[in-house]
């Protein structure tokens, strides 16, 4: 955020801010791909291509084989995928977040093509951000327990508009 603040070319020194810095096209490139968990980056856990529809927030993973393209936490039997579409106004602090339902899949051999769609387009004005959450579970006696392993659970900022 400090680098983005420094891109503010209109405010006086000492008064530069992220909201003004985001008017520079390179600022959004600094945010895109940001991993909220440094121990579990998207690239270290997920090895497949995806597409983001920036109008709807829909994220699609085509021809995805979890056993070959996902590095899972030890003991995991399932994983979930969820996307969020956030509209954040850095000037006013107002935000709105819409989420897709969390889709849970078994960690088995086979190709799937998840399509994750948020409940709607977030309200307000500001910077549109698309995030992907990957979490792992272990099923024991028909009950799925979340594995809170910080080395595998991913939250990544896929796209910034």
C-alpha atoms as a PDB file:
ATOM      1  CA  UNK A   1       0.000   0.000   0.000  1.00  0.00           C
ATOM      2  CA  UNK A   2       2.971   2.262   0.604  1.00  0.00           C
ATOM      3  CA  UNK A   3       4.049   1.816  -3.012  1.00  0.00           C
ATOM      4  CA  UNK A   4       0.539   2.666  -4.203  1.00  0.00           C
ATOM      5  CA  UNK A   5       0.400   5.732  -1.949  1.00  0.00           C
ATOM      6  CA  UNK A   6       3.682   6.871  -3.469  1.00  0.00           C
ATOM      7  CA  UNK A   7       2.053   6.823  -6.927  1.00  0.00           C
ATOM      8  CA  UNK A   8      -0.249   9.688  -5.829  1.00  0.00           C
ATOM      9  CA  UNK A   9       0.972  12.492  -8.081  1.00  0.00           C
ATOM     10  CA  UNK A  10      -1.595  15.130  -7.080  1.00  0.00           C
ATOM     11  CA  UNK A  11      -1.381  15.380  -3.280  1.00  0.00           C
ATOM     12  CA  UNK A  12       1.307  17.248  -1.384  1.00  0.00           C
ATOM     13  CA  UNK A  13       4.094  15.255   0.232  1.00  0.00           C
ATOM     14  CA  UNK A  14       2.868  13.934   3.567  1.00  0.00           C
ATOM     15  CA  UNK A  15      -0.723  13.984   2.304  1.00  0.00           C
ATOM     16  CA  UNK A  16      -0.405  11.381  -0.441  1.00  0.00           C
ATOM     17  CA  UNK A  17      -2.946   8.576  -0.159  1.00  0.00           C
ATOM     18  CA  UNK A  18      -3.875   5.188  -1.605  1.00  0.00           C
ATOM     19  CA  UNK A  19      -7.142   6.450  -3.127  1.00  0.00           C
ATOM     20  CA  UNK A  20      -5.305   8.984  -5.302  1.00  0.00           C
ATOM     21  CA  UNK A  21      -2.459   6.572  -6.005  1.00  0.00           C
ATOM     22  CA  UNK A  22      -4.931   4.074  -7.472  1.00  0.00           C
ATOM     23  CA  UNK A  23      -5.635   6.484 -10.329  1.00  0.00           C
ATOM     24  CA  UNK A  24      -2.253   5.410 -11.713  1.00  0.00           C
ATOM     25  CA  UNK A  25      -2.678   2.290 -13.909  1.00  0.00           C
ATOM     26  CA  UNK A  26       0.414   0.635 -12.438  1.00  0.00           C
ATOM     27  CA  UNK A  27      -1.123   0.757  -8.935  1.00  0.00           C
ATOM     28  CA  UNK A  28      -3.695  -1.891  -9.793  1.00  0.00           C
ATOM     29  CA  UNK A  29      -0.941  -4.100 -11.178  1.00  0.00           C
ATOM     30  CA  UNK A  30       0.756  -3.915  -7.766  1.00  0.00           C
ATOM     31  CA  UNK A  31      -2.397  -5.308  -6.119  1.00  0.00           C
ATOM     32  CA  UNK A  32      -3.236  -7.986  -8.696  1.00  0.00           C
ATOM     33  CA  UNK A  33      -2.060 -11.411  -7.563  1.00  0.00           C
ATOM     34  CA  UNK A  34      -1.570 -10.370  -3.926  1.00  0.00           C
ATOM     35  CA  UNK A  35      -1.529 -13.379  -1.595  1.00  0.00           C
ATOM     36  CA  UNK A  36      -3.003 -12.708   1.847  1.00  0.00           C
ATOM     37  CA  UNK A  37      -1.196 -15.785   3.203  1.00  0.00           C
ATOM     38  CA  UNK A  38       2.524 -15.621   2.424  1.00  0.00           C
ATOM     39  CA  UNK A  39       2.906 -19.271   3.495  1.00  0.00           C
ATOM     40  CA  UNK A  40       0.301 -20.451   0.967  1.00  0.00           C
ATOM     41  CA  UNK A  41       0.527 -18.552  -2.285  1.00  0.00           C
ATOM     42  CA  UNK A  42      -1.906 -19.330  -5.059  1.00  0.00           C
ATOM     43  CA  UNK A  43       0.904 -20.484  -7.341  1.00  0.00           C
ATOM     44  CA  UNK A  44       2.269 -22.903  -4.743  1.00  0.00           C
ATOM     45  CA  UNK A  45      -1.119 -24.573  -4.095  1.00  0.00           C
ATOM     46  CA  UNK A  46      -3.052 -24.342  -7.378  1.00  0.00           C
ATOM     47  CA  UNK A  47      -1.469 -25.302 -10.686  1.00  0.00           C
ATOM     48  CA  UNK A  48      -4.196 -24.695 -13.267  1.00  0.00           C
ATOM     49  CA  UNK A  49      -5.494 -21.868 -15.392  1.00  0.00           C
ATOM     50  CA  UNK A  50      -8.593 -19.882 -14.522  1.00  0.00           C
ATOM     51  CA  UNK A  51     -10.617 -17.077 -16.012  1.00  0.00           C
ATOM     52  CA  UNK A  52     -12.309 -14.148 -14.291  1.00  0.00           C
ATOM     53  CA  UNK A  53     -15.368 -12.410 -15.702  1.00  0.00           C
ATOM     54  CA  UNK A  54     -14.829  -8.944 -14.256  1.00  0.00           C
ATOM     55  CA  UNK A  55     -18.433  -7.949 -15.017  1.00  0.00           C
ATOM     56  CA  UNK A  56     -20.061 -10.661 -12.909  1.00  0.00           C
ATOM     57  CA  UNK A  57     -17.171 -11.833 -10.740  1.00  0.00           C
ATOM     58  CA  UNK A  58     -17.529 -15.413 -12.023  1.00  0.00           C
ATOM     59  CA  UNK A  59     -14.339 -17.479 -11.830  1.00  0.00           C
ATOM     60  CA  UNK A  60     -13.999 -20.621 -13.945  1.00  0.00           C
ATOM     61  CA  UNK A  61     -11.387 -23.359 -13.610  1.00  0.00           C
ATOM     62  CA  UNK A  62     -11.490 -25.465 -16.772  1.00  0.00           C
ATOM     63  CA  UNK A  63     -10.311 -29.065 -16.965  1.00  0.00           C
ATOM     64  CA  UNK A  64      -9.008 -29.113 -13.409  1.00  0.00           C
ATOM     65  CA  UNK A  65      -7.755 -32.378 -11.868  1.00  0.00           C
ATOM     66  CA  UNK A  66      -7.396 -31.780  -8.099  1.00  0.00           C
ATOM     67  CA  UNK A  67      -5.112 -34.788  -7.545  1.00  0.00           C
ATOM     68  CA  UNK A  68      -2.635 -33.509 -10.114  1.00  0.00           C
ATOM     69  CA  UNK A  69      -3.071 -29.728  -9.964  1.00  0.00           C
ATOM     70  CA  UNK A  70      -3.691 -28.998  -6.292  1.00  0.00           C
ATOM     71  CA  UNK A  71      -1.154 -29.282  -3.474  1.00  0.00           C
ATOM     72  CA  UNK A  72      -3.313 -30.339  -0.546  1.00  0.00           C
ATOM     73  CA  UNK A  73      -2.716 -30.258   3.183  1.00  0.00           C
ATOM     74  CA  UNK A  74      -1.657 -33.588   4.683  1.00  0.00           C
ATOM     75  CA  UNK A  75      -4.705 -35.605   5.715  1.00  0.00           C
ATOM     76  CA  UNK A  76      -7.102 -33.588   3.557  1.00  0.00           C
ATOM     77  CA  UNK A  77      -9.906 -35.510   1.880  1.00  0.00           C
ATOM     78  CA  UNK A  78     -11.818 -32.507   0.498  1.00  0.00           C
ATOM     79  CA  UNK A  79     -11.251 -28.909  -0.509  1.00  0.00           C
ATOM     80  CA  UNK A  80     -13.486 -25.910  -1.044  1.00  0.00           C
ATOM     81  CA  UNK A  81     -13.384 -23.072  -3.525  1.00  0.00           C
ATOM     82  CA  UNK A  82     -15.119 -19.752  -2.993  1.00  0.00           C
ATOM     83  CA  UNK A  83     -14.874 -16.411  -4.769  1.00  0.00           C
ATOM     84  CA  UNK A  84     -15.640 -12.917  -3.622  1.00  0.00           C
ATOM     85  CA  UNK A  85     -16.304  -9.748  -5.569  1.00  0.00           C
ATOM     86  CA  UNK A  86     -15.416  -6.682  -3.514  1.00  0.00           C
ATOM     87  CA  UNK A  87     -16.072  -3.056  -4.309  1.00  0.00           C
ATOM     88  CA  UNK A  88     -13.873  -0.905  -2.076  1.00  0.00           C
ATOM     89  CA  UNK A  89     -13.785   2.872  -2.083  1.00  0.00           C
ATOM     90  CA  UNK A  90     -10.389   3.746  -0.617  1.00  0.00           C
ATOM     91  CA  UNK A  91     -11.354   7.408  -0.274  1.00  0.00           C
ATOM     92  CA  UNK A  92     -14.531   6.949   1.803  1.00  0.00           C
ATOM     93  CA  UNK A  93     -13.835   3.497   3.259  1.00  0.00           C
ATOM     94  CA  UNK A  94     -17.189   2.217   1.992  1.00  0.00           C
ATOM     95  CA  UNK A  95     -17.242  -1.346   0.742  1.00  0.00           C
ATOM     96  CA  UNK A  96     -19.556  -4.078  -0.428  1.00  0.00           C
ATOM     97  CA  UNK A  97     -18.675  -7.755  -0.787  1.00  0.00           C
ATOM     98  CA  UNK A  98     -20.615 -10.472  -2.569  1.00  0.00           C
ATOM     99  CA  UNK A  99     -19.625 -14.123  -2.256  1.00  0.00           C
ATOM    100  CA  UNK A 100     -20.236 -17.311  -4.144  1.00  0.00           C
ATOM    101  CA  UNK A 101     -21.380 -20.325  -2.180  1.00  0.00           C
ATOM    102  CA  UNK A 102     -18.405 -22.401  -1.021  1.00  0.00           C
ATOM    103  CA  UNK A 103     -18.167 -25.404  -3.341  1.00  0.00           C
ATOM    104  CA  UNK A 104     -16.705 -28.496  -1.661  1.00  0.00           C
ATOM    105  CA  UNK A 105     -15.058 -31.194  -3.759  1.00  0.00           C
ATOM    106  CA  UNK A 106     -13.479 -34.536  -2.834  1.00  0.00           C
ATOM    107  CA  UNK A 107      -9.767 -34.919  -3.434  1.00  0.00           C
ATOM    108  CA  UNK A 108     -10.030 -37.680  -6.011  1.00  0.00           C
ATOM    109  CA  UNK A 109      -8.627 -38.405  -9.445  1.00  0.00           C
ATOM    110  CA  UNK A 110     -10.750 -36.929 -12.238  1.00  0.00           C
ATOM    111  CA  UNK A 111     -11.365 -33.708 -14.124  1.00  0.00           C
ATOM    112  CA  UNK A 112     -13.808 -31.081 -12.871  1.00  0.00           C
ATOM    113  CA  UNK A 113     -14.655 -27.614 -14.198  1.00  0.00           C
ATOM    114  CA  UNK A 114     -15.845 -25.489 -11.265  1.00  0.00           C
ATOM    115  CA  UNK A 115     -17.738 -22.295 -12.068  1.00  0.00           C
ATOM    116  CA  UNK A 116     -17.934 -19.995  -9.041  1.00  0.00           C
ATOM    117  CA  UNK A 117     -20.364 -17.072  -9.260  1.00  0.00           C
ATOM    118  CA  UNK A 118     -20.855 -14.437  -6.544  1.00  0.00           C
ATOM    119  CA  UNK A 119     -24.425 -13.689  -5.453  1.00  0.00           C
ATOM    120  CA  UNK A 120     -24.350 -10.429  -7.411  1.00  0.00           C
ATOM    121  CA  UNK A 121     -22.352  -7.384  -8.359  1.00  0.00           C
ATOM    122  CA  UNK A 122     -21.390  -5.361  -5.280  1.00  0.00           C
ATOM    123  CA  UNK A 123     -22.932  -1.928  -4.833  1.00  0.00           C
ATOM    124  CA  UNK A 124     -21.095   1.361  -4.647  1.00  0.00           C
ATOM    125  CA  UNK A 125     -18.207   2.958  -6.435  1.00  0.00           C
ATOM    126  CA  UNK A 126     -14.579   2.205  -5.985  1.00  0.00           C
ATOM    127  CA  UNK A 127     -12.060  -0.426  -6.953  1.00  0.00           C
ATOM    128  CA  UNK A 128     -13.448  -3.803  -7.991  1.00  0.00           C
ATOM    129  CA  UNK A 129     -11.481  -6.745  -6.607  1.00  0.00           C
ATOM    130  CA  UNK A 130     -11.940 -10.450  -7.235  1.00  0.00           C
ATOM    131  CA  UNK A 131     -10.612 -12.910  -4.656  1.00  0.00           C
ATOM    132  CA  UNK A 132     -10.331 -16.709  -4.500  1.00  0.00           C
ATOM    133  CA  UNK A 133     -10.366 -18.711  -1.263  1.00  0.00           C
ATOM    134  CA  UNK A 134      -9.131 -22.329  -1.118  1.00  0.00           C
ATOM    135  CA  UNK A 135      -9.585 -24.304   2.117  1.00  0.00           C
ATOM    136  CA  UNK A 136      -9.014 -27.962   3.015  1.00  0.00           C
ATOM    137  CA  UNK A 137     -11.107 -30.427   4.998  1.00  0.00           C
ATOM    138  CA  UNK A 138     -10.796 -33.912   6.415  1.00  0.00           C
ATOM    139  CA  UNK A 139     -13.832 -36.159   6.451  1.00  0.00           C
ATOM    140  CA  UNK A 140     -14.173 -38.446   9.462  1.00  0.00           C
ATOM    141  CA  UNK A 141     -17.270 -40.610   9.890  1.00  0.00           C
ATOM    142  CA  UNK A 142     -19.217 -38.529   7.372  1.00  0.00           C
ATOM    143  CA  UNK A 143     -18.374 -35.175   8.986  1.00  0.00           C
ATOM    144  CA  UNK A 144     -16.027 -32.671   7.333  1.00  0.00           C
ATOM    145  CA  UNK A 145     -13.603 -30.888   9.634  1.00  0.00           C
ATOM    146  CA  UNK A 146     -11.717 -27.835   8.439  1.00  0.00           C
ATOM    147  CA  UNK A 147      -7.936 -28.174   8.452  1.00  0.00           C
ATOM    148  CA  UNK A 148      -6.591 -24.863   9.674  1.00  0.00           C
ATOM    149  CA  UNK A 149      -3.193 -25.374   8.117  1.00  0.00           C
ATOM    150  CA  UNK A 150      -1.745 -21.991   7.278  1.00  0.00           C
ATOM    151  CA  UNK A 151       0.694 -23.550   4.823  1.00  0.00           C
ATOM    152  CA  UNK A 152      -2.103 -24.515   2.422  1.00  0.00           C
ATOM    153  CA  UNK A 153      -5.212 -22.304   2.814  1.00  0.00           C
ATOM    154  CA  UNK A 154      -5.104 -19.634   0.100  1.00  0.00           C
ATOM    155  CA  UNK A 155      -6.715 -16.211  -0.247  1.00  0.00           C
ATOM    156  CA  UNK A 156      -5.558 -14.483  -3.431  1.00  0.00           C
ATOM    157  CA  UNK A 157      -6.503 -11.235  -5.147  1.00  0.00           C
ATOM    158  CA  UNK A 158      -7.042 -12.579  -8.685  1.00  0.00           C
ATOM    159  CA  UNK A 159      -8.064  -9.394 -10.457  1.00  0.00           C
ATOM    160  CA  UNK A 160      -8.293  -5.647  -9.812  1.00  0.00           C
ATOM    161  CA  UNK A 161     -10.343  -3.323 -12.008  1.00  0.00           C
END
